N, C-alpha and C. Protein backbone atom coordinates (compact mmCIF):
# COMPACT_ATOMS: atom_id res chain seq x y z
N MET A 1 0.97 -0.48 0.11
CA MET A 1 -0.20 -0.08 0.23
C MET A 1 0.83 1.49 0.08
N GLU A 2 1.93 0.82 0.50
CA GLU A 2 3.69 2.31 -0.28
C GLU A 2 2.66 3.03 -0.96
N GLY A 3 2.57 4.64 -0.64
CA GLY A 3 2.70 5.30 -1.52
C GLY A 3 0.79 5.53 -2.41
N LEU A 4 -0.04 5.42 -1.83
CA LEU A 4 -1.00 5.27 -1.66
C LEU A 4 -1.91 6.51 -2.28
N TYR A 5 -0.93 7.21 -0.46
CA TYR A 5 -2.60 8.04 -0.31
C TYR A 5 -0.71 8.85 0.45
N HIS A 6 -1.17 10.74 1.01
CA HIS A 6 -0.52 10.97 1.03
C HIS A 6 -1.74 12.27 2.37
N ILE A 7 -0.73 12.41 3.38
CA ILE A 7 -1.80 13.09 4.80
C ILE A 7 -1.81 14.74 3.27
N LEU A 8 -2.95 15.20 3.13
CA LEU A 8 -2.79 16.96 3.41
C LEU A 8 -3.55 18.15 4.28
N ASP A 9 -4.18 16.68 5.43
CA ASP A 9 -4.19 18.01 6.56
C ASP A 9 -4.83 17.00 7.65
N SER A 10 -4.88 17.77 8.83
CA SER A 10 -4.96 17.10 9.30
C SER A 10 -5.56 17.84 10.47
N LYS A 11 -6.64 17.33 11.40
CA LYS A 11 -7.18 18.31 12.91
C LYS A 11 -7.87 17.35 13.67
N VAL A 12 -7.79 17.88 14.92
CA VAL A 12 -7.94 17.52 16.04
C VAL A 12 -9.04 18.00 16.99
N SER A 13 -9.62 18.13 16.95
CA SER A 13 -10.92 18.22 17.83
C SER A 13 -11.18 17.27 19.67
N GLU A 14 -11.92 17.78 20.39
CA GLU A 14 -12.48 17.17 21.31
C GLU A 14 -13.40 15.06 20.99
N SER A 15 -13.69 15.72 19.90
CA SER A 15 -15.02 14.82 19.96
C SER A 15 -15.14 13.79 18.36
N LEU A 16 -13.54 14.25 17.53
CA LEU A 16 -13.45 14.68 16.45
C LEU A 16 -12.14 14.25 15.92
N ILE A 17 -11.40 13.41 15.21
CA ILE A 17 -10.37 13.80 14.11
C ILE A 17 -10.92 13.36 12.94
N GLU A 18 -10.13 14.31 11.37
CA GLU A 18 -10.37 14.87 11.25
C GLU A 18 -9.20 14.19 9.87
N TYR A 19 -8.72 13.64 8.76
CA TYR A 19 -7.76 12.81 8.10
C TYR A 19 -7.72 14.16 6.74
N GLU A 20 -7.33 14.13 5.69
CA GLU A 20 -8.16 14.79 4.71
C GLU A 20 -6.78 14.34 3.98
N ILE A 21 -7.20 12.51 2.65
CA ILE A 21 -5.95 12.68 1.74
C ILE A 21 -5.60 12.71 0.61
N GLN A 22 -5.48 12.78 -0.03
CA GLN A 22 -5.08 11.79 -1.67
C GLN A 22 -4.96 11.28 -1.79
N LEU A 23 -5.49 10.20 -2.86
CA LEU A 23 -4.62 9.88 -3.97
C LEU A 23 -3.85 9.72 -4.84
N THR A 24 -2.80 8.37 -5.10
CA THR A 24 -1.69 8.72 -6.17
C THR A 24 -2.52 8.30 -7.18
N ASP A 25 -1.93 7.89 -8.29
CA ASP A 25 -2.47 7.68 -10.02
C ASP A 25 -3.17 6.15 -9.99
N GLU A 26 -3.29 6.55 -11.11
CA GLU A 26 -3.67 5.48 -11.25
C GLU A 26 -3.12 4.77 -11.80
N LYS A 27 -0.89 4.26 -11.98
CA LYS A 27 -0.57 3.65 -11.82
C LYS A 27 -0.50 2.97 -10.95
N HIS A 28 -0.43 3.28 -9.84
CA HIS A 28 -0.49 2.33 -8.21
C HIS A 28 -0.80 0.93 -8.15
N PRO A 29 0.01 0.20 -8.22
CA PRO A 29 -0.86 -1.51 -7.74
C PRO A 29 -1.94 -1.66 -7.81
N ILE A 30 -2.52 -1.14 -6.31
CA ILE A 30 -3.86 -1.06 -6.32
C ILE A 30 -4.39 -0.45 -7.36
N PHE A 31 -4.37 -0.02 -7.82
CA PHE A 31 -6.21 0.75 -8.77
C PHE A 31 -5.75 -0.43 -10.16
N GLN A 32 -3.94 -0.98 -10.02
CA GLN A 32 -4.68 -1.60 -11.27
C GLN A 32 -4.92 -3.35 -11.57
N ALA A 33 -5.11 -3.36 -10.23
CA ALA A 33 -5.09 -4.53 -9.34
C ALA A 33 -6.83 -4.86 -9.60
N HIS A 34 -7.30 -3.62 -9.58
CA HIS A 34 -9.10 -3.08 -8.97
C HIS A 34 -9.34 -2.71 -9.82
N PHE A 35 -9.93 -2.22 -10.83
CA PHE A 35 -10.57 -3.02 -11.77
C PHE A 35 -9.76 -2.95 -13.23
N PRO A 36 -8.36 -2.97 -13.94
CA PRO A 36 -7.78 -2.34 -14.84
C PRO A 36 -8.44 -1.48 -15.48
N ASN A 37 -9.69 -1.93 -15.66
CA ASN A 37 -10.41 -1.13 -17.31
C ASN A 37 -11.26 -0.44 -16.31
N ASN A 38 -11.06 0.09 -14.80
CA ASN A 38 -11.84 0.83 -14.18
C ASN A 38 -11.70 0.80 -12.25
N HIS A 39 -10.53 2.31 -12.67
CA HIS A 39 -9.79 1.79 -11.09
C HIS A 39 -10.56 2.29 -10.57
N LEU A 40 -11.05 1.14 -8.78
CA LEU A 40 -11.52 1.96 -7.98
C LEU A 40 -10.63 1.34 -6.50
N LEU A 41 -10.69 2.50 -5.26
CA LEU A 41 -9.76 2.17 -4.09
C LEU A 41 -11.20 0.73 -3.57
N PRO A 42 -10.60 -0.61 -3.12
CA PRO A 42 -10.76 -1.77 -2.59
C PRO A 42 -11.81 -0.68 -1.58
N GLY A 43 -13.19 -1.46 -1.08
CA GLY A 43 -13.86 -0.90 0.12
C GLY A 43 -12.99 -0.90 1.28
N PHE A 44 -12.37 -2.72 1.26
CA PHE A 44 -10.98 -2.72 2.81
C PHE A 44 -10.16 -1.68 2.92
N LEU A 45 -9.61 -1.52 1.85
CA LEU A 45 -8.66 -0.02 1.59
C LEU A 45 -9.26 1.02 2.39
N HIS A 46 -10.40 1.34 2.24
CA HIS A 46 -10.90 2.69 3.18
C HIS A 46 -10.70 2.40 4.83
N ILE A 47 -11.06 0.93 5.03
CA ILE A 47 -10.84 0.83 6.33
C ILE A 47 -9.30 0.71 6.81
N ASP A 48 -8.78 -0.16 6.46
CA ASP A 48 -7.39 -0.42 6.43
C ASP A 48 -6.44 1.23 6.68
N ILE A 49 -6.36 2.57 5.29
CA ILE A 49 -5.79 3.38 5.94
C ILE A 49 -6.91 4.26 6.21
N ALA A 50 -8.31 4.35 7.55
CA ALA A 50 -8.10 4.85 8.95
C ALA A 50 -7.39 4.20 10.14
N SER A 51 -7.22 2.77 9.81
CA SER A 51 -6.76 2.31 10.69
C SER A 51 -5.03 2.17 11.28
N LYS A 52 -4.56 2.48 9.58
CA LYS A 52 -3.35 3.39 9.72
C LYS A 52 -2.39 4.76 10.02
N LEU A 53 -4.23 5.87 10.34
CA LEU A 53 -4.14 7.15 9.88
C LEU A 53 -4.29 7.10 11.50
N LEU A 54 -4.70 6.11 12.00
CA LEU A 54 -5.64 6.61 13.65
C LEU A 54 -3.92 5.03 14.28
N ASP A 55 -3.47 4.77 13.34
CA ASP A 55 -2.04 4.26 13.96
C ASP A 55 -2.94 3.19 15.52
N LYS A 56 -3.86 2.12 14.89
CA LYS A 56 -4.68 1.27 15.69
C LYS A 56 -5.26 0.20 14.94
N GLU A 57 -5.04 -0.77 15.93
CA GLU A 57 -5.46 -2.44 15.16
C GLU A 57 -6.42 -2.85 15.02
N LEU A 58 -7.00 -2.98 14.12
CA LEU A 58 -7.92 -3.58 13.88
C LEU A 58 -9.07 -5.13 14.19
N SER A 59 -9.63 -4.70 15.00
CA SER A 59 -10.49 -6.15 15.90
C SER A 59 -11.29 -6.80 15.38
N LYS A 60 -12.46 -6.03 15.21
CA LYS A 60 -13.78 -6.63 13.76
C LYS A 60 -14.39 -5.15 13.35
N ILE A 61 -14.93 -5.62 12.12
CA ILE A 61 -16.38 -4.57 12.33
C ILE A 61 -17.42 -4.94 12.25
N THR A 62 -18.80 -4.31 12.64
CA THR A 62 -19.50 -3.86 13.20
C THR A 62 -19.89 -3.29 11.81
N LYS A 63 -19.64 -2.56 10.92
CA LYS A 63 -21.40 -2.24 10.31
C LYS A 63 -20.42 -1.84 9.47
N ALA A 64 -20.01 -1.58 8.07
CA ALA A 64 -19.10 -1.50 6.54
C ALA A 64 -20.14 -1.05 6.13
N LYS A 65 -20.29 0.98 5.64
CA LYS A 65 -21.47 0.01 3.56
C LYS A 65 -20.33 1.70 2.87
N PHE A 66 -20.53 1.29 1.59
CA PHE A 66 -20.40 2.14 1.18
C PHE A 66 -20.14 2.41 -0.53
N LEU A 67 -20.56 2.82 -0.07
CA LEU A 67 -21.71 3.87 -1.11
C LEU A 67 -21.37 5.20 -2.22
N GLN A 68 -19.93 5.36 -2.57
CA GLN A 68 -19.41 5.87 -3.97
C GLN A 68 -18.25 5.71 -3.60
N ALA A 69 -18.01 5.21 -5.82
CA ALA A 69 -16.52 5.17 -6.03
C ALA A 69 -15.62 5.95 -5.52
N ILE A 70 -14.50 5.77 -5.01
CA ILE A 70 -13.37 5.74 -4.97
C ILE A 70 -12.35 5.86 -5.76
N LEU A 71 -12.05 7.34 -6.09
CA LEU A 71 -11.10 6.91 -7.90
C LEU A 71 -9.16 7.64 -7.93
N PRO A 72 -8.87 7.44 -8.83
CA PRO A 72 -7.68 7.03 -8.51
C PRO A 72 -7.09 8.90 -8.18
N LEU A 73 -6.54 9.76 -7.92
CA LEU A 73 -6.33 11.18 -7.48
C LEU A 73 -7.01 12.17 -6.55
N ASP A 74 -8.49 10.83 -6.43
CA ASP A 74 -9.41 11.66 -4.83
C ASP A 74 -8.69 12.13 -4.16
N LYS A 75 -9.72 13.55 -3.70
CA LYS A 75 -9.21 13.78 -2.27
C LYS A 75 -10.19 13.40 -1.11
N ILE A 76 -10.03 12.15 -0.43
CA ILE A 76 -10.41 12.33 -0.06
C ILE A 76 -10.78 12.80 2.05
N LEU A 77 -11.40 12.77 2.57
CA LEU A 77 -11.71 13.26 4.48
C LEU A 77 -12.36 12.39 5.19
N PHE A 78 -11.69 11.41 5.84
CA PHE A 78 -12.20 10.56 7.13
C PHE A 78 -12.47 11.47 7.87
N ILE A 79 -13.67 11.96 9.23
CA ILE A 79 -13.58 12.06 9.62
C ILE A 79 -14.34 11.02 10.77
N ILE A 80 -13.04 11.13 11.69
CA ILE A 80 -12.72 9.68 12.68
C ILE A 80 -14.04 10.18 13.84
N GLU A 81 -15.03 9.89 14.72
CA GLU A 81 -15.51 9.89 15.97
C GLU A 81 -14.78 8.26 16.77
N LYS A 82 -14.55 8.93 17.81
CA LYS A 82 -14.16 8.03 19.14
C LYS A 82 -15.28 7.32 19.26
N LYS A 83 -15.70 6.24 20.18
CA LYS A 83 -16.32 5.93 21.18
C LYS A 83 -16.33 4.81 22.18
N GLU A 84 -15.46 4.87 23.66
CA GLU A 84 -14.81 3.58 23.66
C GLU A 84 -13.48 3.02 22.48
N GLN A 85 -13.94 2.08 22.71
CA GLN A 85 -13.07 0.89 21.93
C GLN A 85 -13.58 1.52 20.46
N ASN A 86 -15.07 1.21 20.00
CA ASN A 86 -14.63 2.28 18.83
C ASN A 86 -14.50 3.47 18.09
N TYR A 87 -14.73 3.28 16.39
CA TYR A 87 -14.55 3.76 16.24
C TYR A 87 -14.61 4.05 15.11
N LYS A 88 -16.39 5.10 14.95
CA LYS A 88 -17.10 5.43 14.02
C LYS A 88 -16.51 5.98 12.77
N ILE A 89 -16.53 6.01 11.25
CA ILE A 89 -15.19 6.02 10.74
C ILE A 89 -16.39 6.60 8.81
N ILE A 90 -16.71 8.00 8.64
CA ILE A 90 -17.29 8.89 7.79
C ILE A 90 -16.51 8.72 7.39
N THR A 91 -16.19 8.74 5.25
CA THR A 91 -15.50 8.41 3.97
C THR A 91 -16.07 9.52 3.75
N LYS A 92 -16.10 11.43 3.02
CA LYS A 92 -16.15 11.56 1.50
C LYS A 92 -15.75 11.97 1.39
N LYS A 93 -15.92 12.32 -0.11
CA LYS A 93 -15.23 13.36 -1.27
C LYS A 93 -15.79 14.23 -2.20
N ASP A 94 -15.92 15.30 -2.55
CA ASP A 94 -16.85 16.11 -2.30
C ASP A 94 -18.10 16.90 -1.64
N ASN A 95 -17.95 16.22 -0.63
CA ASN A 95 -18.81 16.30 0.47
C ASN A 95 -19.86 15.36 0.53
N LYS A 96 -19.65 14.67 -0.36
CA LYS A 96 -20.73 13.12 -0.29
C LYS A 96 -20.36 12.70 -0.08
N LYS A 97 -20.72 11.36 0.87
CA LYS A 97 -20.74 9.92 1.83
C LYS A 97 -20.29 8.84 0.76
N CYS A 98 -18.45 8.42 0.92
CA CYS A 98 -18.59 7.15 0.62
C CYS A 98 -18.61 6.16 1.34
N SER A 99 -18.17 6.00 2.32
CA SER A 99 -18.36 5.09 3.05
C SER A 99 -19.08 5.19 4.25
N GLU A 100 -19.21 4.35 5.37
CA GLU A 100 -19.23 4.33 6.96
C GLU A 100 -18.88 3.58 6.87
N PHE A 101 -18.15 2.95 8.25
CA PHE A 101 -18.01 1.81 8.90
C PHE A 101 -17.85 2.42 10.38
N ILE A 102 -17.65 1.01 11.23
CA ILE A 102 -17.61 1.36 12.52
C ILE A 102 -16.48 0.05 13.20
N PHE A 103 -15.12 0.46 13.62
CA PHE A 103 -15.22 -1.14 14.18
C PHE A 103 -13.59 -0.15 15.47
N VAL A 104 -13.83 -2.42 15.50
CA VAL A 104 -12.94 -1.63 17.49
C VAL A 104 -12.04 -2.85 17.38
N THR A 105 -11.46 -2.05 18.12
CA THR A 105 -9.70 -1.49 17.93
C THR A 105 -9.06 -2.73 19.17
N ARG A 106 -8.17 -3.36 19.25
CA ARG A 106 -8.09 -4.66 19.91
C ARG A 106 -6.90 -3.62 21.56
């Protein structure tokens, strides 16, 4: 996953953490594999990127919805709300929700 994205901005408040990232272009191996003629960020990578941004190891997913495709070069906002051992994460691009998931850390 190296080189897939870079962090543009981060904000931390009492109740939320936000990261804005920008994905690399379609030449990255992830996009070449998924799907060769219709490059999309795989759903599991929404979760994996959030885990890496938080520097937390994932224990389980309790809910996940993928609503809109994330494409090469997209700027994505990760909005993260912590609730005890759970994190509710919403991803957005162009102010539209792309995914929403809840995961539990170890």
